[in-house]
Protein backbone atom coordinates (compact mmCIF):
# COMPACT_ATOMS: atom_id res chain seq x y z
CA MET A 1 -7.47 23.23 9.25
CA LYS A 2 -4.66 20.70 8.87
CA ILE A 3 -1.79 20.34 6.38
CA LYS A 4 -0.45 17.21 4.68
CA VAL A 5 2.34 16.77 2.12
CA LEU A 6 2.10 13.79 -0.22
CA GLN A 7 4.23 12.62 -3.12
CA ILE A 8 3.52 10.88 -6.40
CA ARG A 9 6.77 9.40 -7.69
CA ILE A 10 6.95 9.40 -11.46
CA SER A 11 8.19 5.91 -12.11
CA GLU A 12 6.43 2.83 -13.37
CA ARG A 13 7.10 1.04 -10.09
CA PHE A 14 5.72 3.67 -7.70
CA GLN A 15 3.27 5.88 -9.57
CA HIS A 16 0.20 3.65 -9.17
CA PRO A 17 0.61 2.94 -5.42
CA ASP A 18 1.41 6.60 -4.75
CA GLU A 19 -1.69 7.67 -6.67
CA CYS A 20 -3.75 5.21 -4.62
CA LEU A 21 -2.42 6.75 -1.41
CA VAL A 22 -3.28 10.25 -2.58
CA ASN A 23 -6.73 9.18 -3.77
CA ASP A 24 -7.41 7.40 -0.48
CA PHE A 25 -6.36 10.50 1.45
CA LEU A 26 -8.58 12.70 -0.72
CA ASP A 27 -11.52 10.34 -0.20
CA ARG A 28 -11.13 10.46 3.58
CA HIS A 29 -10.74 14.23 4.00
CA GLU A 30 -12.49 17.42 3.04
CA ILE A 31 -10.00 19.34 0.91
CA ILE A 32 -9.82 23.09 1.43
CA GLN A 33 -6.91 23.91 -0.87
CA MET A 34 -4.25 22.00 -2.76
CA ASN A 35 -0.97 22.98 -4.43
CA ALA A 36 1.36 20.75 -6.44
CA LYS A 37 4.87 21.13 -7.76
CA LEU A 38 7.03 18.85 -9.89
CA ILE A 39 10.29 18.06 -8.10
CA GLU A 40 13.12 16.96 -10.36
CA ASP A 41 15.39 14.66 -8.42
CA GLU A 42 16.92 11.19 -8.74
CA THR A 43 13.31 10.01 -9.01
CA ASN A 44 11.08 12.83 -10.22
CA TYR A 45 7.90 13.29 -8.22
CA TRP A 46 4.95 15.56 -7.67
CA SER A 47 4.93 17.11 -4.23
CA ILE A 48 1.38 17.92 -3.16
CA LEU A 49 0.58 20.29 -0.32
CA ILE A 50 -2.97 19.73 0.93
CA TYR A 51 -4.93 21.90 3.33
CA TYR A 52 -7.78 19.82 4.70
CA LYS A 53 -10.12 18.98 7.53
CA ASN A 54 -11.41 15.58 8.58
CA LYS A 55 -14.65 14.27 7.13
CA SER A 56 -17.30 12.89 9.41
CA ALA A 57 -16.58 9.52 11.02
CA SER A 58 -19.39 7.88 9.05
CA THR A 59 -17.33 7.99 5.85
CA VAL A 60 -15.42 4.72 5.50
CA PRO A 61 -12.51 4.67 3.02
CA GLN A 62 -12.32 1.83 0.53
CA LYS A 63 -9.33 -0.47 0.91
CA PHE A 64 -7.03 -1.50 -1.94
CA PHE A 65 -7.91 -4.93 -3.38
CA VAL A 66 -6.66 -7.05 -6.28
CA ALA A 67 -8.74 -10.17 -7.00
CA SER A 68 -6.56 -12.04 -9.47
CA GLU A 69 -2.98 -12.62 -10.50
CA LYS A 70 -4.10 -11.57 -13.99
CA GLU A 71 -4.19 -7.97 -12.74
CA LEU A 72 -0.44 -8.05 -11.98
CA SER A 73 2.41 -6.97 -14.25
CA GLU A 74 5.39 -9.31 -14.72
CA ASP A 75 7.37 -7.40 -12.05
CA GLU A 76 4.42 -7.60 -9.68
CA LYS A 77 4.18 -11.35 -10.28
CA LEU A 78 7.80 -11.66 -9.15
CA ILE A 79 6.94 -9.71 -5.99
CA PHE A 80 3.91 -11.98 -5.45
CA SER A 81 6.18 -15.03 -5.80
CA GLU A 82 8.56 -13.70 -3.13
CA LEU A 83 5.64 -12.92 -0.83
CA ARG A 84 4.36 -16.49 -1.28
CA LYS A 85 7.79 -17.86 -0.32
CA TRP A 86 7.77 -15.68 2.81
CA ARG A 87 4.20 -16.80 3.66
CA MET A 88 5.12 -20.49 3.27
CA SER A 89 8.15 -20.11 5.52
CA LYS A 90 6.14 -18.16 8.09
CA SER A 91 3.33 -20.72 8.06
CA LYS A 92 5.82 -23.54 8.71
CA ASP A 93 7.40 -21.58 11.58
CA LEU A 94 4.00 -20.92 13.16
CA ARG A 95 2.52 -24.31 12.19
CA LEU A 96 -0.39 -22.63 10.46
CA MET A 97 -1.93 -23.08 7.05
CA PRO A 98 -0.57 -20.41 4.63
CA PHE A 99 -4.03 -18.88 4.07
CA MET A 100 -4.20 -18.16 7.80
CA ILE A 101 -1.23 -15.82 7.41
CA CYS A 102 -2.49 -14.06 4.26
CA HIS A 103 -4.84 -15.02 1.45
CA ASN A 104 -3.52 -14.90 -2.11
CA THR A 105 -5.68 -11.84 -2.75
CA HIS A 106 -3.87 -10.06 0.09
CA LEU A 107 -0.54 -10.91 -1.52
CA PHE A 108 -1.79 -9.82 -4.97
CA SER A 109 -2.85 -6.51 -3.46
CA ILE A 110 0.48 -6.03 -1.68
CA ALA A 111 2.40 -6.85 -4.87
CA LYS A 112 0.35 -4.29 -6.82
CA TYR A 113 0.17 -1.57 -4.17
CA LYS A 114 3.77 -1.96 -2.92
CA PRO A 115 3.30 -0.45 0.56
CA GLN A 116 6.47 1.06 2.00
CA THR A 117 5.42 1.28 5.64
CA ALA A 118 3.35 -0.67 8.13
CA GLU A 119 0.81 2.17 8.05
CA GLU A 120 0.42 1.78 4.28
CA LEU A 121 -0.34 -1.93 4.78
CA LEU A 122 -3.53 -0.83 6.54
CA HIS A 123 -4.76 0.33 3.11
CA ILE A 124 -4.78 -3.30 1.91
CA LYS A 125 -8.11 -5.10 2.19
CA GLY A 126 -7.78 -7.84 4.82
CA PHE A 127 -5.12 -6.01 6.86
CA ASN A 128 -5.99 -4.60 10.24
CA GLU A 129 -3.74 -3.32 13.02
CA ASN A 130 -3.33 -6.80 14.50
CA LYS A 131 -2.21 -8.38 11.21
CA VAL A 132 0.12 -5.46 10.52
CA LYS A 133 1.60 -5.82 14.01
CA LYS A 134 2.19 -9.56 13.47
CA TYR A 135 3.53 -9.53 9.91
CA GLY A 136 3.94 -5.95 8.71
CA LEU A 137 7.67 -5.43 9.19
CA GLU A 138 8.49 -8.78 7.58
CA ILE A 139 6.29 -8.00 4.56
CA ILE A 140 7.90 -4.58 4.13
CA GLU A 141 11.33 -6.26 4.34
CA VAL A 142 10.35 -8.73 1.59
CA LEU A 143 9.22 -5.83 -0.60
CA GLN A 144 12.45 -3.93 -0.01
CA ASN A 145 14.56 -6.94 -0.94
CA VAL A 146 12.77 -7.82 -4.20
């Protein structure tokens, strides 16, 4: 048996991506027991203590995907715009077409999901370890500065 602590921040900006992380974790593991407690802090959040064991390797978790800009809130559209600026700059530096860095759907998904770490970027459809290694820290920096 293993133990994991997860958080769901109760704020419009973070609640959805945090819920996606928890749901993804729950999908990938066999849950033995779970306890939750509301933590009142600068940003209130649910702290979730999960006792679990790994599911069989044949179970493949679904990655986070947003197909259209229409699925984004106004704040998320601003994040998408900043990510597009970063992608354009990066593509010029590397002399690549922008879509070779990231497709728009990848940027939509990042804007919606708001990953906070390189590991969380792996939950975005289209991101593998190689892409995260190449661009992950820069993407996280863009998100932190929006």
